[in-house]
Amino acid sequence: MEFQSFLGFDRAVFEWIERTFFDRGISAVLTPVMAFITHLGDSGIFWIALAICLVIFKKTRKYGLILTVGLAFMLLLNDIILKPLIARPRPFDIAQWKDWFVYPEIISRPSGFSFPSGHTSCSFASATALTATKKKSVYILAFALAALIGFSRIYLHVHYCTDVLFGAVAGVIYGLAAICAVALITRLVSKYASKKA
């Protein structure tokens, strides 16, 4: 996939971050915060832990299953299929941008390809899955965290803005697919159980 047409936009976003946060000295406080937020998305650990907690309790088990299916879709389609297929290098692997990598002592350089952002896809898939709870406070907080994790990836220069934007869209699709899949499976199981009875 050719990304040359997006590089101007991606670079403009990086330059805006430099002007807004680094040139004004805000980064001294903000960078550790962004590192903490980005680590919440490492390997989907926060969302996996949440899914486990939801599955444990009968009242929330359905939502835990939806979240688990959304994460499985994300792993298969995003990380196993799309990333190797598209094979976009990370920003710090582009020669003219190598010096832009922020604070390597705070966050180690991630391995693998850049597009789409796995942290972002995972987070938006999870937030979308949580809309099944129909509790606005729950999914609004989830989407807010997903957006912060996505922004942290750009801020720390480990992803391009377009990686994150596409990752968010893909994540929403994975989450919606999970809701539909679990609803379909639930209907089929109920139908089979009623026939057997």
N, C-alpha and C. Protein backbone atom coordinates (compact mmCIF):
# COMPACT_ATOMS: atom_id res chain seq x y z
N MET A 1 0.85 -1.20 0.00
CA MET A 1 0.00 0.00 0.00
C MET A 1 0.88 1.25 0.00
N GLU A 2 0.57 2.21 -0.84
CA GLU A 2 1.39 3.42 -1.00
C GLU A 2 0.91 4.51 -0.05
N PHE A 3 1.83 5.02 0.77
CA PHE A 3 1.45 6.02 1.77
C PHE A 3 2.04 7.40 1.49
N GLN A 4 2.69 7.57 0.34
CA GLN A 4 3.33 8.85 0.05
C GLN A 4 2.35 10.01 0.09
N SER A 5 1.12 9.78 -0.36
CA SER A 5 0.14 10.85 -0.40
C SER A 5 -0.30 11.28 1.00
N PHE A 6 -0.06 10.44 2.01
CA PHE A 6 -0.45 10.77 3.38
C PHE A 6 0.69 11.39 4.19
N LEU A 7 1.92 11.29 3.68
CA LEU A 7 3.07 11.72 4.48
C LEU A 7 3.03 13.20 4.83
N GLY A 8 2.53 14.02 3.91
CA GLY A 8 2.43 15.46 4.19
C GLY A 8 1.50 15.71 5.37
N PHE A 9 0.36 15.04 5.39
CA PHE A 9 -0.59 15.18 6.49
C PHE A 9 0.02 14.66 7.78
N ASP A 10 0.64 13.47 7.72
CA ASP A 10 1.23 12.87 8.93
C ASP A 10 2.33 13.76 9.50
N ARG A 11 3.15 14.31 8.62
CA ARG A 11 4.24 15.18 9.10
C ARG A 11 3.68 16.46 9.71
N ALA A 12 2.62 17.00 9.11
CA ALA A 12 1.99 18.22 9.64
C ALA A 12 1.48 17.98 11.06
N VAL A 13 0.93 16.79 11.31
CA VAL A 13 0.44 16.46 12.65
C VAL A 13 1.61 16.37 13.63
N PHE A 14 2.70 15.71 13.23
CA PHE A 14 3.88 15.64 14.08
C PHE A 14 4.42 17.04 14.40
N GLU A 15 4.46 17.90 13.39
CA GLU A 15 4.97 19.25 13.59
C GLU A 15 4.06 20.06 14.51
N TRP A 16 2.74 19.84 14.42
CA TRP A 16 1.81 20.51 15.32
C TRP A 16 2.05 20.07 16.77
N ILE A 17 2.31 18.77 16.96
CA ILE A 17 2.60 18.26 18.30
C ILE A 17 3.89 18.89 18.83
N GLU A 18 4.89 18.99 17.97
CA GLU A 18 6.16 19.60 18.38
C GLU A 18 5.94 21.06 18.83
N ARG A 19 5.20 21.81 18.01
CA ARG A 19 4.96 23.24 18.33
C ARG A 19 4.11 23.40 19.58
N THR A 20 3.08 22.57 19.70
CA THR A 20 2.10 22.75 20.77
C THR A 20 2.59 22.28 22.12
N PHE A 21 3.32 21.17 22.15
CA PHE A 21 3.70 20.57 23.42
C PHE A 21 5.19 20.67 23.74
N PHE A 22 6.05 20.47 22.74
CA PHE A 22 7.48 20.43 23.01
C PHE A 22 8.11 21.82 23.02
N ASP A 23 7.75 22.63 22.06
CA ASP A 23 8.34 23.97 22.01
C ASP A 23 7.90 24.83 23.18
N ARG A 24 6.77 24.54 23.78
CA ARG A 24 6.26 25.31 24.91
C ARG A 24 6.65 24.72 26.26
N GLY A 25 7.38 23.62 26.25
CA GLY A 25 7.85 23.01 27.49
C GLY A 25 6.83 22.17 28.23
N ILE A 26 5.66 21.97 27.63
CA ILE A 26 4.60 21.18 28.28
C ILE A 26 4.99 19.71 28.32
N SER A 27 5.87 19.30 27.42
CA SER A 27 6.22 17.88 27.29
C SER A 27 6.87 17.31 28.54
N ALA A 28 7.53 18.15 29.33
CA ALA A 28 8.19 17.66 30.53
C ALA A 28 7.21 16.97 31.47
N VAL A 29 6.00 17.48 31.53
CA VAL A 29 4.96 16.89 32.37
C VAL A 29 4.13 15.89 31.57
N LEU A 30 3.84 16.23 30.31
CA LEU A 30 2.91 15.44 29.51
C LEU A 30 3.49 14.12 29.04
N THR A 31 4.76 14.07 28.74
CA THR A 31 5.35 12.85 28.16
C THR A 31 5.24 11.63 29.10
N PRO A 32 5.56 11.76 30.40
CA PRO A 32 5.36 10.59 31.28
C PRO A 32 3.90 10.17 31.37
N VAL A 33 2.98 11.14 31.31
CA VAL A 33 1.55 10.83 31.33
C VAL A 33 1.16 10.04 30.07
N MET A 34 1.66 10.51 28.92
CA MET A 34 1.37 9.81 27.66
C MET A 34 1.98 8.42 27.65
N ALA A 35 3.16 8.27 28.24
CA ALA A 35 3.80 6.95 28.31
C ALA A 35 2.95 6.00 29.15
N PHE A 36 2.43 6.50 30.28
CA PHE A 36 1.56 5.68 31.14
C PHE A 36 0.30 5.27 30.39
N ILE A 37 -0.33 6.23 29.72
CA ILE A 37 -1.56 5.94 28.98
C ILE A 37 -1.30 4.93 27.87
N THR A 38 -0.20 5.11 27.14
CA THR A 38 0.09 4.19 26.03
C THR A 38 0.33 2.77 26.54
N HIS A 39 0.94 2.64 27.74
CA HIS A 39 1.21 1.31 28.30
C HIS A 39 -0.08 0.59 28.71
N LEU A 40 -1.15 1.33 28.95
CA LEU A 40 -2.44 0.70 29.24
C LEU A 40 -2.92 -0.15 28.06
N GLY A 41 -2.47 0.26 26.86
CA GLY A 41 -2.87 -0.47 25.65
C GLY A 41 -1.90 -1.54 25.22
N ASP A 42 -0.79 -1.71 25.94
CA ASP A 42 0.22 -2.71 25.56
C ASP A 42 -0.41 -4.11 25.55
N SER A 43 -0.34 -4.76 24.41
CA SER A 43 -0.87 -6.12 24.24
C SER A 43 -2.34 -6.23 24.63
N GLY A 44 -3.03 -5.09 24.64
CA GLY A 44 -4.45 -5.08 25.01
C GLY A 44 -4.72 -5.47 26.45
N ILE A 45 -3.69 -5.34 27.31
CA ILE A 45 -3.76 -5.89 28.67
C ILE A 45 -4.90 -5.31 29.49
N PHE A 46 -5.14 -4.00 29.37
CA PHE A 46 -6.23 -3.38 30.14
C PHE A 46 -7.57 -3.95 29.71
N TRP A 47 -7.77 -4.05 28.39
CA TRP A 47 -9.05 -4.52 27.86
C TRP A 47 -9.25 -6.01 28.10
N ILE A 48 -8.18 -6.77 28.06
CA ILE A 48 -8.26 -8.21 28.36
C ILE A 48 -8.64 -8.42 29.82
N ALA A 49 -8.01 -7.64 30.71
CA ALA A 49 -8.34 -7.74 32.13
C ALA A 49 -9.80 -7.37 32.38
N LEU A 50 -10.27 -6.33 31.68
CA LEU A 50 -11.67 -5.93 31.81
C LEU A 50 -12.61 -7.03 31.32
N ALA A 51 -12.26 -7.65 30.19
CA ALA A 51 -13.08 -8.74 29.65
C ALA A 51 -13.18 -9.90 30.64
N ILE A 52 -12.05 -10.24 31.26
CA ILE A 52 -12.04 -11.33 32.24
C ILE A 52 -12.95 -10.99 33.43
N CYS A 53 -12.84 -9.75 33.90
CA CYS A 53 -13.68 -9.32 35.03
C CYS A 53 -15.16 -9.40 34.68
N LEU A 54 -15.51 -9.00 33.47
CA LEU A 54 -16.91 -9.03 33.05
C LEU A 54 -17.43 -10.45 32.88
N VAL A 55 -16.57 -11.35 32.38
CA VAL A 55 -16.98 -12.75 32.17
C VAL A 55 -17.21 -13.48 33.50
N ILE A 56 -16.48 -13.09 34.51
CA ILE A 56 -16.59 -13.77 35.81
C ILE A 56 -18.00 -13.69 36.39
N PHE A 57 -18.63 -12.52 36.24
CA PHE A 57 -19.94 -12.31 36.85
C PHE A 57 -21.07 -12.57 35.84
N LYS A 58 -22.06 -13.32 36.28
CA LYS A 58 -23.15 -13.72 35.39
C LYS A 58 -23.87 -12.51 34.79
N LYS A 59 -24.06 -11.48 35.59
CA LYS A 59 -24.80 -10.30 35.15
C LYS A 59 -24.12 -9.59 33.99
N THR A 60 -22.79 -9.65 33.95
CA THR A 60 -22.04 -8.93 32.91
C THR A 60 -21.35 -9.87 31.92
N ARG A 61 -21.63 -11.17 32.03
CA ARG A 61 -20.92 -12.16 31.22
C ARG A 61 -21.09 -11.92 29.71
N LYS A 62 -22.30 -11.56 29.32
CA LYS A 62 -22.57 -11.32 27.91
C LYS A 62 -21.65 -10.23 27.35
N TYR A 63 -21.46 -9.17 28.13
CA TYR A 63 -20.62 -8.06 27.68
C TYR A 63 -19.15 -8.47 27.64
N GLY A 64 -18.76 -9.31 28.59
CA GLY A 64 -17.40 -9.84 28.57
C GLY A 64 -17.14 -10.69 27.35
N LEU A 65 -18.14 -11.47 26.95
CA LEU A 65 -18.01 -12.30 25.75
C LEU A 65 -17.91 -11.44 24.49
N ILE A 66 -18.74 -10.40 24.43
CA ILE A 66 -18.68 -9.49 23.28
C ILE A 66 -17.31 -8.84 23.19
N LEU A 67 -16.81 -8.39 24.34
CA LEU A 67 -15.49 -7.76 24.38
C LEU A 67 -14.41 -8.75 23.94
N THR A 68 -14.51 -9.99 24.40
CA THR A 68 -13.53 -11.01 24.04
C THR A 68 -13.54 -11.29 22.54
N VAL A 69 -14.74 -11.39 21.97
CA VAL A 69 -14.86 -11.64 20.52
C VAL A 69 -14.30 -10.46 19.74
N GLY A 70 -14.57 -9.24 20.19
CA GLY A 70 -14.02 -8.05 19.52
C GLY A 70 -12.50 -8.05 19.53
N LEU A 71 -11.92 -8.43 20.66
CA LEU A 71 -10.46 -8.50 20.76
C LEU A 71 -9.90 -9.59 19.85
N ALA A 72 -10.64 -10.71 19.74
CA ALA A 72 -10.20 -11.80 18.86
C ALA A 72 -10.24 -11.36 17.40
N PHE A 73 -11.30 -10.65 17.00
CA PHE A 73 -11.38 -10.12 15.64
C PHE A 73 -10.21 -9.18 15.37
N MET A 74 -9.93 -8.33 16.34
CA MET A 74 -8.84 -7.36 16.18
C MET A 74 -7.50 -8.08 16.01
N LEU A 75 -7.24 -9.08 16.84
CA LEU A 75 -5.98 -9.81 16.75
C LEU A 75 -5.82 -10.48 15.39
N LEU A 76 -6.88 -11.14 14.93
CA LEU A 76 -6.82 -11.86 13.67
C LEU A 76 -6.69 -10.92 12.47
N LEU A 77 -7.61 -9.96 12.38
CA LEU A 77 -7.67 -9.11 11.18
C LEU A 77 -6.62 -8.02 11.19
N ASN A 78 -6.37 -7.44 12.35
CA ASN A 78 -5.47 -6.29 12.43
C ASN A 78 -4.00 -6.73 12.49
N ASP A 79 -3.69 -7.53 13.49
CA ASP A 79 -2.29 -7.84 13.76
C ASP A 79 -1.74 -9.00 12.91
N ILE A 80 -2.58 -10.00 12.65
CA ILE A 80 -2.10 -11.17 11.92
C ILE A 80 -2.21 -10.97 10.40
N ILE A 81 -3.25 -10.27 9.95
CA ILE A 81 -3.47 -10.13 8.50
C ILE A 81 -3.02 -8.76 7.97
N LEU A 82 -3.62 -7.68 8.49
CA LEU A 82 -3.40 -6.36 7.88
C LEU A 82 -1.96 -5.84 8.04
N LYS A 83 -1.43 -5.90 9.25
CA LYS A 83 -0.10 -5.32 9.48
C LYS A 83 0.99 -5.94 8.59
N PRO A 84 1.12 -7.28 8.56
CA PRO A 84 2.14 -7.87 7.68
C PRO A 84 1.84 -7.65 6.19
N LEU A 85 0.55 -7.60 5.85
CA LEU A 85 0.17 -7.43 4.46
C LEU A 85 0.55 -6.04 3.95
N ILE A 86 0.30 -5.02 4.77
CA ILE A 86 0.56 -3.63 4.38
C ILE A 86 2.03 -3.25 4.62
N ALA A 87 2.57 -3.73 5.74
CA ALA A 87 4.00 -3.59 6.05
C ALA A 87 4.50 -2.15 6.00
N ARG A 88 3.81 -1.25 6.65
CA ARG A 88 4.26 0.15 6.69
C ARG A 88 5.31 0.32 7.79
N PRO A 89 6.46 0.92 7.49
CA PRO A 89 7.48 1.13 8.51
C PRO A 89 7.02 2.11 9.58
N ARG A 90 7.58 1.99 10.77
CA ARG A 90 7.30 2.94 11.85
C ARG A 90 7.91 4.31 11.52
N PRO A 91 7.39 5.38 12.12
CA PRO A 91 7.97 6.71 11.87
C PRO A 91 9.47 6.78 12.18
N PHE A 92 9.90 6.10 13.26
CA PHE A 92 11.32 6.18 13.63
C PHE A 92 12.21 5.32 12.73
N ASP A 93 11.60 4.58 11.79
CA ASP A 93 12.37 3.83 10.81
C ASP A 93 12.53 4.59 9.50
N ILE A 94 11.89 5.75 9.40
CA ILE A 94 12.04 6.61 8.23
C ILE A 94 13.25 7.51 8.46
N ALA A 95 14.20 7.47 7.55
CA ALA A 95 15.49 8.13 7.76
C ALA A 95 15.38 9.58 8.22
N GLN A 96 14.54 10.39 7.53
CA GLN A 96 14.48 11.81 7.85
C GLN A 96 13.72 12.11 9.14
N TRP A 97 13.08 11.07 9.73
CA TRP A 97 12.30 11.30 10.95
C TRP A 97 12.90 10.60 12.17
N LYS A 98 14.03 9.97 12.02
CA LYS A 98 14.59 9.17 13.12
C LYS A 98 14.85 10.01 14.37
N ASP A 99 15.24 11.26 14.19
CA ASP A 99 15.55 12.10 15.34
C ASP A 99 14.30 12.58 16.06
N TRP A 100 13.13 12.30 15.52
CA TRP A 100 11.89 12.75 16.15
C TRP A 100 11.38 11.77 17.21
N PHE A 101 12.01 10.62 17.33
CA PHE A 101 11.52 9.64 18.30
C PHE A 101 11.65 10.21 19.71
N VAL A 102 10.56 10.17 20.47
CA VAL A 102 10.48 10.87 21.75
C VAL A 102 10.84 9.97 22.92
N TYR A 103 11.78 10.43 23.74
CA TYR A 103 12.10 9.82 25.02
C TYR A 103 12.22 8.30 24.97
N PRO A 104 13.22 7.76 24.30
CA PRO A 104 13.38 6.30 24.24
C PRO A 104 13.59 5.67 25.61
N GLU A 105 14.04 6.49 26.62
CA GLU A 105 14.24 5.94 27.96
C GLU A 105 12.91 5.74 28.70
N ILE A 106 11.83 6.34 28.20
CA ILE A 106 10.52 6.18 28.83
C ILE A 106 9.73 5.07 28.16
N ILE A 107 9.79 5.01 26.84
CA ILE A 107 9.06 3.97 26.11
C ILE A 107 10.01 3.31 25.10
N SER A 108 10.11 2.00 25.18
CA SER A 108 11.00 1.30 24.25
C SER A 108 10.39 1.26 22.86
N ARG A 109 11.23 1.17 21.87
CA ARG A 109 10.74 1.15 20.49
C ARG A 109 9.95 -0.13 20.23
N PRO A 110 8.68 0.03 19.83
CA PRO A 110 7.88 -1.17 19.55
C PRO A 110 8.35 -1.87 18.28
N SER A 111 8.18 -3.16 18.24
CA SER A 111 8.54 -3.93 17.05
C SER A 111 7.31 -4.04 16.15
N GLY A 112 7.51 -4.59 14.98
CA GLY A 112 6.40 -4.79 14.06
C GLY A 112 6.11 -3.58 13.21
N PHE A 113 5.12 -3.72 12.36
CA PHE A 113 4.79 -2.67 11.41
C PHE A 113 3.83 -1.64 12.02
N SER A 114 3.63 -0.56 11.28
CA SER A 114 2.95 0.60 11.83
C SER A 114 1.45 0.68 11.55
N PHE A 115 1.02 0.19 10.40
CA PHE A 115 -0.36 0.41 9.96
C PHE A 115 -1.16 -0.88 9.94
N PRO A 116 -2.35 -0.86 10.57
CA PRO A 116 -2.92 0.18 11.42
C PRO A 116 -2.46 0.02 12.87
N SER A 117 -2.69 1.04 13.68
CA SER A 117 -2.25 1.01 15.07
C SER A 117 -3.01 -0.07 15.85
N GLY A 118 -2.25 -1.02 16.40
CA GLY A 118 -2.87 -2.09 17.17
C GLY A 118 -3.45 -1.60 18.49
N HIS A 119 -2.72 -0.70 19.17
CA HIS A 119 -3.23 -0.14 20.42
C HIS A 119 -4.59 0.53 20.19
N THR A 120 -4.66 1.29 19.09
CA THR A 120 -5.88 2.05 18.81
C THR A 120 -7.02 1.12 18.38
N SER A 121 -6.72 0.18 17.50
CA SER A 121 -7.75 -0.77 17.05
C SER A 121 -8.32 -1.55 18.22
N CYS A 122 -7.44 -2.03 19.06
CA CYS A 122 -7.86 -2.80 20.23
C CYS A 122 -8.75 -1.97 21.15
N SER A 123 -8.35 -0.72 21.38
CA SER A 123 -9.08 0.15 22.29
C SER A 123 -10.46 0.53 21.74
N PHE A 124 -10.53 0.86 20.46
CA PHE A 124 -11.81 1.24 19.87
C PHE A 124 -12.72 0.03 19.67
N ALA A 125 -12.15 -1.14 19.42
CA ALA A 125 -12.95 -2.37 19.36
C ALA A 125 -13.59 -2.63 20.71
N SER A 126 -12.82 -2.44 21.77
CA SER A 126 -13.32 -2.67 23.12
C SER A 126 -14.39 -1.64 23.51
N ALA A 127 -14.13 -0.38 23.20
CA ALA A 127 -15.09 0.67 23.53
C ALA A 127 -16.40 0.45 22.78
N THR A 128 -16.31 0.07 21.52
CA THR A 128 -17.51 -0.20 20.72
C THR A 128 -18.26 -1.41 21.28
N ALA A 129 -17.54 -2.44 21.66
CA ALA A 129 -18.17 -3.62 22.25
C ALA A 129 -18.94 -3.25 23.52
N LEU A 130 -18.41 -2.30 24.27
CA LEU A 130 -19.05 -1.90 25.53
C LEU A 130 -20.32 -1.08 25.33
N THR A 131 -20.58 -0.63 24.09
CA THR A 131 -21.85 0.05 23.84
C THR A 131 -23.02 -0.92 24.01
N ALA A 132 -22.73 -2.21 23.96
CA ALA A 132 -23.77 -3.22 24.17
C ALA A 132 -24.36 -3.14 25.58
N THR A 133 -23.60 -2.57 26.51
CA THR A 133 -24.11 -2.42 27.88
C THR A 133 -25.25 -1.40 27.95
N LYS A 134 -25.32 -0.53 26.93
CA LYS A 134 -26.32 0.55 26.88
C LYS A 134 -26.19 1.51 28.07
N LYS A 135 -25.02 1.50 28.70
CA LYS A 135 -24.75 2.44 29.80
C LYS A 135 -23.80 3.51 29.27
N LYS A 136 -24.36 4.70 29.07
CA LYS A 136 -23.62 5.77 28.43
C LYS A 136 -22.32 6.11 29.17
N SER A 137 -22.38 6.13 30.49
CA SER A 137 -21.18 6.49 31.26
C SER A 137 -20.05 5.49 31.01
N VAL A 138 -20.42 4.23 30.81
CA VAL A 138 -19.42 3.18 30.59
C VAL A 138 -18.73 3.36 29.25
N TYR A 139 -19.54 3.45 28.19
CA TYR A 139 -18.89 3.48 26.88
C TYR A 139 -18.30 4.85 26.54
N ILE A 140 -18.81 5.92 27.13
CA ILE A 140 -18.19 7.23 26.90
C ILE A 140 -16.80 7.25 27.52
N LEU A 141 -16.67 6.72 28.74
CA LEU A 141 -15.35 6.62 29.38
C LEU A 141 -14.42 5.73 28.57
N ALA A 142 -14.97 4.63 28.03
CA ALA A 142 -14.16 3.71 27.23
C ALA A 142 -13.66 4.38 25.95
N PHE A 143 -14.54 5.13 25.29
CA PHE A 143 -14.12 5.84 24.07
C PHE A 143 -13.12 6.95 24.39
N ALA A 144 -13.29 7.61 25.53
CA ALA A 144 -12.34 8.66 25.93
C ALA A 144 -10.95 8.05 26.15
N LEU A 145 -10.91 6.91 26.84
CA LEU A 145 -9.63 6.23 27.05
C LEU A 145 -9.04 5.76 25.73
N ALA A 146 -9.88 5.22 24.84
CA ALA A 146 -9.41 4.77 23.53
C ALA A 146 -8.80 5.93 22.74
N ALA A 147 -9.46 7.09 22.79
CA ALA A 147 -8.94 8.26 22.07
C ALA A 147 -7.61 8.72 22.67
N LEU A 148 -7.49 8.68 23.99
CA LEU A 148 -6.23 9.08 24.65
C LEU A 148 -5.11 8.11 24.29
N ILE A 149 -5.41 6.81 24.26
CA ILE A 149 -4.39 5.83 23.88
C ILE A 149 -3.96 6.07 22.44
N GLY A 150 -4.93 6.32 21.56
CA GLY A 150 -4.59 6.60 20.17
C GLY A 150 -3.72 7.84 20.04
N PHE A 151 -4.08 8.91 20.75
CA PHE A 151 -3.29 10.14 20.69
C PHE A 151 -1.89 9.92 21.24
N SER A 152 -1.78 9.12 22.30
CA SER A 152 -0.46 8.87 22.89
C SER A 152 0.49 8.21 21.89
N ARG A 153 -0.05 7.39 20.99
CA ARG A 153 0.79 6.72 20.00
C ARG A 153 1.38 7.73 19.00
N ILE A 154 0.59 8.74 18.67
CA ILE A 154 1.10 9.79 17.77
C ILE A 154 2.06 10.69 18.54
N TYR A 155 1.67 11.09 19.74
CA TYR A 155 2.49 11.97 20.56
C TYR A 155 3.89 11.39 20.77
N LEU A 156 3.95 10.10 21.03
CA LEU A 156 5.24 9.44 21.28
C LEU A 156 5.96 9.05 20.00
N HIS A 157 5.37 9.40 18.84
CA HIS A 157 6.00 9.20 17.54
C HIS A 157 6.24 7.72 17.20
N VAL A 158 5.40 6.86 17.74
CA VAL A 158 5.52 5.44 17.38
C VAL A 158 4.50 5.04 16.32
N HIS A 159 3.58 5.96 16.00
CA HIS A 159 2.62 5.76 14.92
C HIS A 159 2.36 7.07 14.21
N TYR A 160 2.03 6.97 12.93
CA TYR A 160 1.55 8.12 12.18
C TYR A 160 0.09 8.38 12.56
N CYS A 161 -0.36 9.59 12.32
CA CYS A 161 -1.76 9.92 12.58
C CYS A 161 -2.69 9.04 11.75
N THR A 162 -2.33 8.77 10.51
CA THR A 162 -3.19 7.93 9.66
C THR A 162 -3.26 6.49 10.17
N ASP A 163 -2.21 6.00 10.81
CA ASP A 163 -2.27 4.67 11.44
C ASP A 163 -3.36 4.65 12.51
N VAL A 164 -3.39 5.71 13.29
CA VAL A 164 -4.33 5.80 14.41
C VAL A 164 -5.76 6.01 13.92
N LEU A 165 -5.93 6.87 12.93
CA LEU A 165 -7.27 7.13 12.39
C LEU A 165 -7.88 5.85 11.80
N PHE A 166 -7.08 5.16 10.99
CA PHE A 166 -7.58 3.91 10.40
C PHE A 166 -7.80 2.87 11.48
N GLY A 167 -6.90 2.83 12.46
CA GLY A 167 -7.04 1.88 13.56
C GLY A 167 -8.34 2.09 14.32
N ALA A 168 -8.72 3.37 14.52
CA ALA A 168 -9.97 3.68 15.21
C ALA A 168 -11.17 3.18 14.42
N VAL A 169 -11.16 3.44 13.11
CA VAL A 169 -12.28 3.00 12.25
C VAL A 169 -12.35 1.47 12.24
N ALA A 170 -11.20 0.83 12.07
CA ALA A 170 -11.16 -0.63 12.07
C ALA A 170 -11.66 -1.19 13.39
N GLY A 171 -11.25 -0.56 14.49
CA GLY A 171 -11.67 -1.01 15.81
C GLY A 171 -13.18 -0.95 15.99
N VAL A 172 -13.78 0.13 15.52
CA VAL A 172 -15.24 0.25 15.59
C VAL A 172 -15.91 -0.88 14.81
N ILE A 173 -15.35 -1.18 13.65
CA ILE A 173 -15.90 -2.28 12.83
C ILE A 173 -15.77 -3.61 13.56
N TYR A 174 -14.62 -3.87 14.17
CA TYR A 174 -14.42 -5.11 14.92
C TYR A 174 -15.42 -5.21 16.07
N GLY A 175 -15.60 -4.09 16.77
CA GLY A 175 -16.53 -4.08 17.90
C GLY A 175 -17.97 -4.35 17.47
N LEU A 176 -18.40 -3.70 16.39
CA LEU A 176 -19.75 -3.92 15.87
C LEU A 176 -19.93 -5.36 15.40
N ALA A 177 -18.89 -5.88 14.75
CA ALA A 177 -18.94 -7.28 14.30
C ALA A 177 -19.08 -8.23 15.48
N ALA A 178 -18.41 -7.90 16.58
CA ALA A 178 -18.49 -8.74 17.78
C ALA A 178 -19.89 -8.71 18.37
N ILE A 179 -20.50 -7.54 18.42
CA ILE A 179 -21.87 -7.42 18.93
C ILE A 179 -22.82 -8.27 18.10
N CYS A 180 -22.69 -8.16 16.78
CA CYS A 180 -23.55 -8.93 15.86
C CYS A 180 -23.31 -10.43 15.99
N ALA A 181 -22.05 -10.82 16.10
CA ALA A 181 -21.69 -12.24 16.20
C ALA A 181 -22.26 -12.87 17.46
N VAL A 182 -22.09 -12.18 18.59
CA VAL A 182 -22.59 -12.73 19.86
C VAL A 182 -24.12 -12.77 19.86
N ALA A 183 -24.75 -11.75 19.28
CA ALA A 183 -26.22 -11.74 19.20
C ALA A 183 -26.72 -12.91 18.35
N LEU A 184 -26.04 -13.16 17.24
CA LEU A 184 -26.42 -14.28 16.36
C LEU A 184 -26.24 -15.62 17.05
N ILE A 185 -25.10 -15.78 17.71
CA ILE A 185 -24.82 -17.04 18.41
C ILE A 185 -25.84 -17.26 19.53
N THR A 186 -26.17 -16.19 20.25
CA THR A 186 -27.14 -16.28 21.34
C THR A 186 -28.50 -16.72 20.82
N ARG A 187 -28.92 -16.14 19.69
CA ARG A 187 -30.20 -16.52 19.10
C ARG A 187 -30.21 -17.98 18.66
N LEU A 188 -29.11 -18.42 18.03
CA LEU A 188 -29.02 -19.81 17.56
C LEU A 188 -29.04 -20.79 18.73
N VAL A 189 -28.33 -20.44 19.80
CA VAL A 189 -28.30 -21.32 20.98
C VAL A 189 -29.68 -21.39 21.63
N SER A 190 -30.34 -20.24 21.73
CA SER A 190 -31.69 -20.20 22.33
C SER A 190 -32.67 -21.01 21.49
N LYS A 191 -32.55 -20.86 20.17
CA LYS A 191 -33.44 -21.59 19.26
C LYS A 191 -33.22 -23.10 19.38
N TYR A 192 -31.97 -23.50 19.45
CA TYR A 192 -31.64 -24.92 19.59
C TYR A 192 -32.14 -25.46 20.93
N ALA A 193 -31.97 -24.65 22.00
CA ALA A 193 -32.39 -25.08 23.34
C ALA A 193 -33.90 -25.23 23.42
N SER A 194 -34.63 -24.31 22.77
CA SER A 194 -36.10 -24.37 22.79
C SER A 194 -36.62 -25.58 22.02
N LYS A 195 -35.94 -25.92 20.92
CA LYS A 195 -36.34 -27.09 20.13
C LYS A 195 -36.07 -28.38 20.92
N LYS A 196 -34.96 -28.41 21.61
CA LYS A 196 -34.59 -29.59 22.39
C LYS A 196 -35.54 -29.80 23.56
N ALA A 197 -36.03 -28.67 24.11
CA ALA A 197 -36.95 -28.75 25.24
C ALA A 197 -38.32 -29.25 24.77
